[in-house]
Amino acid sequence: MIRPILSFPDPLLKQKSAPVEAVTDEVVQLARDMAETMYAAPGVGLAAPQVGVLQRIIVVDVSGKEEAPRLITVINPVITHAEGSVYEEEGCLSVPDYSASVSRHERVTVKGLSLEGQERIWQADGLLAIAFQHEIDHLDGILFVDRLSPLKRELYLKKCKKKGVL
């Protein structure tokens, strides 16, 4: 089921998500709905708070349009190691019609649970590393616009006020 995606400045997007206590049928269905919603948007990642659920679940797929999908679902993701630095353009399904360059780690190691409830570790670099960091930020109530310089953030907020979003 495709779920509605919350947009900035919805207050749910600024809240911290709770850990998933057990991988239940409801959690699995939520993750499936999130993947369907992400693909329909289309996007490369989605976090549960973006569909109004304050649980620590993310879905990511950075495969290109010409490639077979490579969906990664992580429950209770934690970045256990990060190194390097990149400054890349990012957008967000919850921040429509806006993109900006954001500083992120170049490589990350992420630990979490699979949909089967098994602990897994993912090593990521490039776009996958950026997507993991971006989606995990959502679980902590952080949007990519919160990582912009004060000047760029202020310009974005002025644009929102002008559009009547704020």
C-alpha atoms as a PDB file:
ATOM      1  CA  MET A   1       0.000   0.000   0.000  1.00  0.00           C
ATOM      2  CA  ILE A   2       1.335   3.397  -0.952  1.00  0.00           C
ATOM      3  CA  ARG A   3       1.252   5.684   2.060  1.00  0.00           C
ATOM      4  CA  PRO A   4       1.172   9.491   2.080  1.00  0.00           C
ATOM      5  CA  ILE A   5       4.601  11.072   2.598  1.00  0.00           C
ATOM      6  CA  LEU A   6       4.741  13.843   5.192  1.00  0.00           C
ATOM      7  CA  SER A   7       6.262  17.134   4.056  1.00  0.00           C
ATOM      8  CA  PHE A   8       8.239  19.799   5.899  1.00  0.00           C
ATOM      9  CA  PRO A   9       7.221  21.443   8.258  1.00  0.00           C
ATOM     10  CA  ASP A  10       5.128  18.544   9.629  1.00  0.00           C
ATOM     11  CA  PRO A  11       6.112  18.298  13.341  1.00  0.00           C
ATOM     12  CA  LEU A  12       6.331  14.470  13.225  1.00  0.00           C
ATOM     13  CA  LEU A  13       9.422  14.846  11.010  1.00  0.00           C
ATOM     14  CA  LYS A  14      11.260  16.560  13.885  1.00  0.00           C
ATOM     15  CA  GLN A  15      10.618  13.814  16.460  1.00  0.00           C
ATOM     16  CA  LYS A  16      12.955  11.008  17.425  1.00  0.00           C
ATOM     17  CA  SER A  17      11.754   7.501  16.529  1.00  0.00           C
ATOM     18  CA  ALA A  18      11.477   4.627  18.984  1.00  0.00           C
ATOM     19  CA  PRO A  19      13.372   1.365  18.495  1.00  0.00           C
ATOM     20  CA  VAL A  20      11.422  -1.564  17.113  1.00  0.00           C
ATOM     21  CA  GLU A  21      10.978  -4.060  19.974  1.00  0.00           C
ATOM     22  CA  ALA A  22      10.177  -7.097  17.803  1.00  0.00           C
ATOM     23  CA  VAL A  23       9.927  -7.804  14.087  1.00  0.00           C
ATOM     24  CA  THR A  24       6.197  -8.526  13.908  1.00  0.00           C
ATOM     25  CA  ASP A  25       3.907  -8.995  10.917  1.00  0.00           C
ATOM     26  CA  GLU A  26       2.901  -5.333  11.317  1.00  0.00           C
ATOM     27  CA  VAL A  27       6.549  -4.217  11.109  1.00  0.00           C
ATOM     28  CA  VAL A  28       7.104  -6.339   7.996  1.00  0.00           C
ATOM     29  CA  GLN A  29       3.953  -4.889   6.376  1.00  0.00           C
ATOM     30  CA  LEU A  30       5.039  -1.348   7.236  1.00  0.00           C
ATOM     31  CA  ALA A  31       8.445  -1.979   5.625  1.00  0.00           C
ATOM     32  CA  ARG A  32       6.750  -3.362   2.493  1.00  0.00           C
ATOM     33  CA  ASP A  33       4.449  -0.329   2.345  1.00  0.00           C
ATOM     34  CA  MET A  34       7.461   1.959   2.773  1.00  0.00           C
ATOM     35  CA  ALA A  35       9.279   0.272  -0.119  1.00  0.00           C
ATOM     36  CA  GLU A  36       6.212   0.541  -2.354  1.00  0.00           C
ATOM     37  CA  THR A  37       5.824   4.209  -1.380  1.00  0.00           C
ATOM     38  CA  MET A  38       9.528   4.933  -2.027  1.00  0.00           C
ATOM     39  CA  TYR A  39       9.459   3.321  -5.481  1.00  0.00           C
ATOM     40  CA  ALA A  40       6.233   5.144  -6.410  1.00  0.00           C
ATOM     41  CA  ALA A  41       7.541   8.557  -5.326  1.00  0.00           C
ATOM     42  CA  PRO A  42      10.200   7.831  -6.815  1.00  0.00           C
ATOM     43  CA  GLY A  43      13.071   8.010  -4.324  1.00  0.00           C
ATOM     44  CA  VAL A  44      16.173   6.131  -3.220  1.00  0.00           C
ATOM     45  CA  GLY A  45      15.300   5.951   0.471  1.00  0.00           C
ATOM     46  CA  LEU A  46      12.491   6.382   2.958  1.00  0.00           C
ATOM     47  CA  ALA A  47      12.308   6.371   6.751  1.00  0.00           C
ATOM     48  CA  ALA A  48       9.234   5.385   8.769  1.00  0.00           C
ATOM     49  CA  PRO A  49       8.704   8.913  10.192  1.00  0.00           C
ATOM     50  CA  GLN A  50       8.195  10.153   6.620  1.00  0.00           C
ATOM     51  CA  VAL A  51       5.015   8.063   6.474  1.00  0.00           C
ATOM     52  CA  GLY A  52       3.960   9.132   9.972  1.00  0.00           C
ATOM     53  CA  VAL A  53       5.306   6.174  11.966  1.00  0.00           C
ATOM     54  CA  LEU A  54       7.838   6.966  14.682  1.00  0.00           C
ATOM     55  CA  GLN A  55       9.727   3.667  14.527  1.00  0.00           C
ATOM     56  CA  ARG A  56      13.352   3.061  13.570  1.00  0.00           C
ATOM     57  CA  ILE A  57      12.876   1.501  10.124  1.00  0.00           C
ATOM     58  CA  ILE A  58      14.439   2.556   6.818  1.00  0.00           C
ATOM     59  CA  VAL A  59      14.297   1.298   3.246  1.00  0.00           C
ATOM     60  CA  VAL A  60      16.961   2.147   0.663  1.00  0.00           C
ATOM     61  CA  ASP A  61      17.534   1.239  -2.973  1.00  0.00           C
ATOM     62  CA  VAL A  62      20.223   3.110  -4.905  1.00  0.00           C
ATOM     63  CA  SER A  63      20.171   0.850  -7.971  1.00  0.00           C
ATOM     64  CA  GLY A  64      19.807   2.765 -11.198  1.00  0.00           C
ATOM     65  CA  LYS A  65      16.766   2.668 -13.450  1.00  0.00           C
ATOM     66  CA  GLU A  66      18.544   0.253 -15.790  1.00  0.00           C
ATOM     67  CA  GLU A  67      19.432  -2.170 -12.971  1.00  0.00           C
ATOM     68  CA  ALA A  68      17.428  -4.737 -11.050  1.00  0.00           C
ATOM     69  CA  PRO A  69      16.135  -3.324  -7.740  1.00  0.00           C
ATOM     70  CA  ARG A  70      18.347  -3.919  -4.692  1.00  0.00           C
ATOM     71  CA  LEU A  71      16.077  -3.104  -1.783  1.00  0.00           C
ATOM     72  CA  ILE A  72      17.721  -2.855   1.637  1.00  0.00           C
ATOM     73  CA  THR A  73      15.456  -2.767   4.684  1.00  0.00           C
ATOM     74  CA  VAL A  74      17.067  -2.022   8.043  1.00  0.00           C
ATOM     75  CA  ILE A  75      15.314  -2.117  11.395  1.00  0.00           C
ATOM     76  CA  ASN A  76      16.952  -0.203  14.264  1.00  0.00           C
ATOM     77  CA  PRO A  77      19.888   0.954  12.092  1.00  0.00           C
ATOM     78  CA  VAL A  78      23.000   2.281  13.814  1.00  0.00           C
ATOM     79  CA  ILE A  79      26.103   3.697  12.162  1.00  0.00           C
ATOM     80  CA  THR A  80      28.950   1.870  13.887  1.00  0.00           C
ATOM     81  CA  HIS A  81      31.801   3.323  11.825  1.00  0.00           C
ATOM     82  CA  ALA A  82      32.172   6.329   9.539  1.00  0.00           C
ATOM     83  CA  GLU A  83      35.126   7.787   7.679  1.00  0.00           C
ATOM     84  CA  GLY A  84      35.992  10.207   4.943  1.00  0.00           C
ATOM     85  CA  SER A  85      33.994  13.163   3.799  1.00  0.00           C
ATOM     86  CA  VAL A  86      31.960  14.041   0.717  1.00  0.00           C
ATOM     87  CA  TYR A  87      29.905  17.071  -0.219  1.00  0.00           C
ATOM     88  CA  GLU A  88      27.063  15.993  -2.504  1.00  0.00           C
ATOM     89  CA  GLU A  89      23.712  17.287  -3.720  1.00  0.00           C
ATOM     90  CA  GLU A  90      20.763  15.801  -1.812  1.00  0.00           C
ATOM     91  CA  GLY A  91      17.032  15.979  -2.071  1.00  0.00           C
ATOM     92  CA  CYS A  92      14.295  14.528   0.096  1.00  0.00           C
ATOM     93  CA  LEU A  93      10.793  13.214  -0.495  1.00  0.00           C
ATOM     94  CA  SER A  94       9.686  15.209   2.580  1.00  0.00           C
ATOM     95  CA  VAL A  95      11.311  18.407   1.284  1.00  0.00           C
ATOM     96  CA  PRO A  96       9.826  18.609  -2.221  1.00  0.00           C
ATOM     97  CA  ASP A  97      11.239  20.845  -4.923  1.00  0.00           C
ATOM     98  CA  TYR A  98      14.489  21.592  -3.109  1.00  0.00           C
ATOM     99  CA  SER A  99      17.992  20.169  -3.188  1.00  0.00           C
ATOM    100  CA  ALA A 100      21.319  21.334  -1.795  1.00  0.00           C
ATOM    101  CA  SER A 101      24.830  20.078  -1.161  1.00  0.00           C
ATOM    102  CA  VAL A 102      25.347  18.444   2.227  1.00  0.00           C
ATOM    103  CA  SER A 103      28.498  17.192   3.942  1.00  0.00           C
ATOM    104  CA  ARG A 104      28.386  13.475   4.766  1.00  0.00           C
ATOM    105  CA  HIS A 105      30.787  10.661   5.571  1.00  0.00           C
ATOM    106  CA  GLU A 106      32.170   8.929   2.489  1.00  0.00           C
ATOM    107  CA  ARG A 107      31.992   5.420   3.958  1.00  0.00           C
ATOM    108  CA  VAL A 108      29.829   3.986   6.727  1.00  0.00           C
ATOM    109  CA  THR A 109      29.193   0.690   8.437  1.00  0.00           C
ATOM    110  CA  VAL A 110      25.574   0.191   9.465  1.00  0.00           C
ATOM    111  CA  LYS A 111      24.325  -2.453  11.883  1.00  0.00           C
ATOM    112  CA  GLY A 112      20.680  -3.384  12.234  1.00  0.00           C
ATOM    113  CA  LEU A 113      18.099  -6.102  11.820  1.00  0.00           C
ATOM    114  CA  SER A 114      16.778  -7.597   8.611  1.00  0.00           C
ATOM    115  CA  LEU A 115      13.053  -8.208   8.056  1.00  0.00           C
ATOM    116  CA  GLU A 116      13.698 -11.727   9.313  1.00  0.00           C
ATOM    117  CA  GLY A 117      14.918 -10.302  12.632  1.00  0.00           C
ATOM    118  CA  GLN A 118      18.544 -11.300  11.951  1.00  0.00           C
ATOM    119  CA  GLU A 119      21.381  -8.912  12.849  1.00  0.00           C
ATOM    120  CA  ARG A 120      23.118  -7.696   9.714  1.00  0.00           C
ATOM    121  CA  ILE A 121      26.030  -5.404   8.902  1.00  0.00           C
ATOM    122  CA  TRP A 122      26.220  -3.316   5.742  1.00  0.00           C
ATOM    123  CA  GLN A 123      29.412  -1.687   4.460  1.00  0.00           C
ATOM    124  CA  ALA A 124      28.551   1.273   2.259  1.00  0.00           C
ATOM    125  CA  ASP A 125      30.242   3.980   0.248  1.00  0.00           C
ATOM    126  CA  GLY A 126      29.111   6.435  -2.402  1.00  0.00           C
ATOM    127  CA  LEU A 127      25.388   7.007  -2.829  1.00  0.00           C
ATOM    128  CA  LEU A 128      24.476   4.096  -0.542  1.00  0.00           C
ATOM    129  CA  ALA A 129      26.503   5.602   2.336  1.00  0.00           C
ATOM    130  CA  ILE A 130      24.818   8.977   1.787  1.00  0.00           C
ATOM    131  CA  ALA A 131      21.359   7.377   1.642  1.00  0.00           C
ATOM    132  CA  PHE A 132      21.956   5.438   4.878  1.00  0.00           C
ATOM    133  CA  GLN A 133      23.050   8.628   6.669  1.00  0.00           C
ATOM    134  CA  HIS A 134      20.149  10.651   5.259  1.00  0.00           C
ATOM    135  CA  GLU A 135      17.525   8.074   6.292  1.00  0.00           C
ATOM    136  CA  ILE A 136      19.028   7.463   9.743  1.00  0.00           C
ATOM    137  CA  ASP A 137      18.937  11.233  10.281  1.00  0.00           C
ATOM    138  CA  HIS A 138      15.161  11.065   9.740  1.00  0.00           C
ATOM    139  CA  LEU A 139      14.923   8.576  12.608  1.00  0.00           C
ATOM    140  CA  ASP A 140      16.530  11.205  14.849  1.00  0.00           C
ATOM    141  CA  GLY A 141      14.245  14.022  13.674  1.00  0.00           C
ATOM    142  CA  ILE A 142      16.903  15.595  11.442  1.00  0.00           C
ATOM    143  CA  LEU A 143      16.158  16.751   7.898  1.00  0.00           C
ATOM    144  CA  PHE A 144      18.913  17.396   5.370  1.00  0.00           C
ATOM    145  CA  VAL A 145      18.026  21.113   5.453  1.00  0.00           C
ATOM    146  CA  ASP A 146      19.060  21.071   9.134  1.00  0.00           C
ATOM    147  CA  ARG A 147      22.591  20.229   7.930  1.00  0.00           C
ATOM    148  CA  LEU A 148      22.848  23.253   5.626  1.00  0.00           C
ATOM    149  CA  SER A 149      24.869  26.334   6.451  1.00  0.00           C
ATOM    150  CA  PRO A 150      22.858  28.946   8.394  1.00  0.00           C
ATOM    151  CA  LEU A 151      22.679  31.135   5.273  1.00  0.00           C
ATOM    152  CA  LYS A 152      21.391  28.355   2.989  1.00  0.00           C
ATOM    153  CA  ARG A 153      18.911  27.198   5.632  1.00  0.00           C
ATOM    154  CA  GLU A 154      17.616  30.758   6.064  1.00  0.00           C
ATOM    155  CA  LEU A 155      17.200  31.121   2.284  1.00  0.00           C
ATOM    156  CA  TYR A 156      15.245  27.852   2.208  1.00  0.00           C
ATOM    157  CA  LEU A 157      12.994  28.958   5.094  1.00  0.00           C
ATOM    158  CA  LYS A 158      12.342  32.299   3.345  1.00  0.00           C
ATOM    159  CA  LYS A 159      11.332  30.372   0.222  1.00  0.00           C
ATOM    160  CA  CYS A 160       8.920  28.297   2.343  1.00  0.00           C
ATOM    161  CA  LYS A 161       7.393  31.407   3.917  1.00  0.00           C
ATOM    162  CA  LYS A 162       6.953  32.952   0.479  1.00  0.00           C
ATOM    163  CA  LYS A 163       5.121  29.808  -0.715  1.00  0.00           C
ATOM    164  CA  GLY A 164       2.926  29.877   2.414  1.00  0.00           C
ATOM    165  CA  VAL A 165       4.341  26.583   3.739  1.00  0.00           C
ATOM    166  CA  LEU A 166       5.441  28.199   7.025  1.00  0.00           C
END
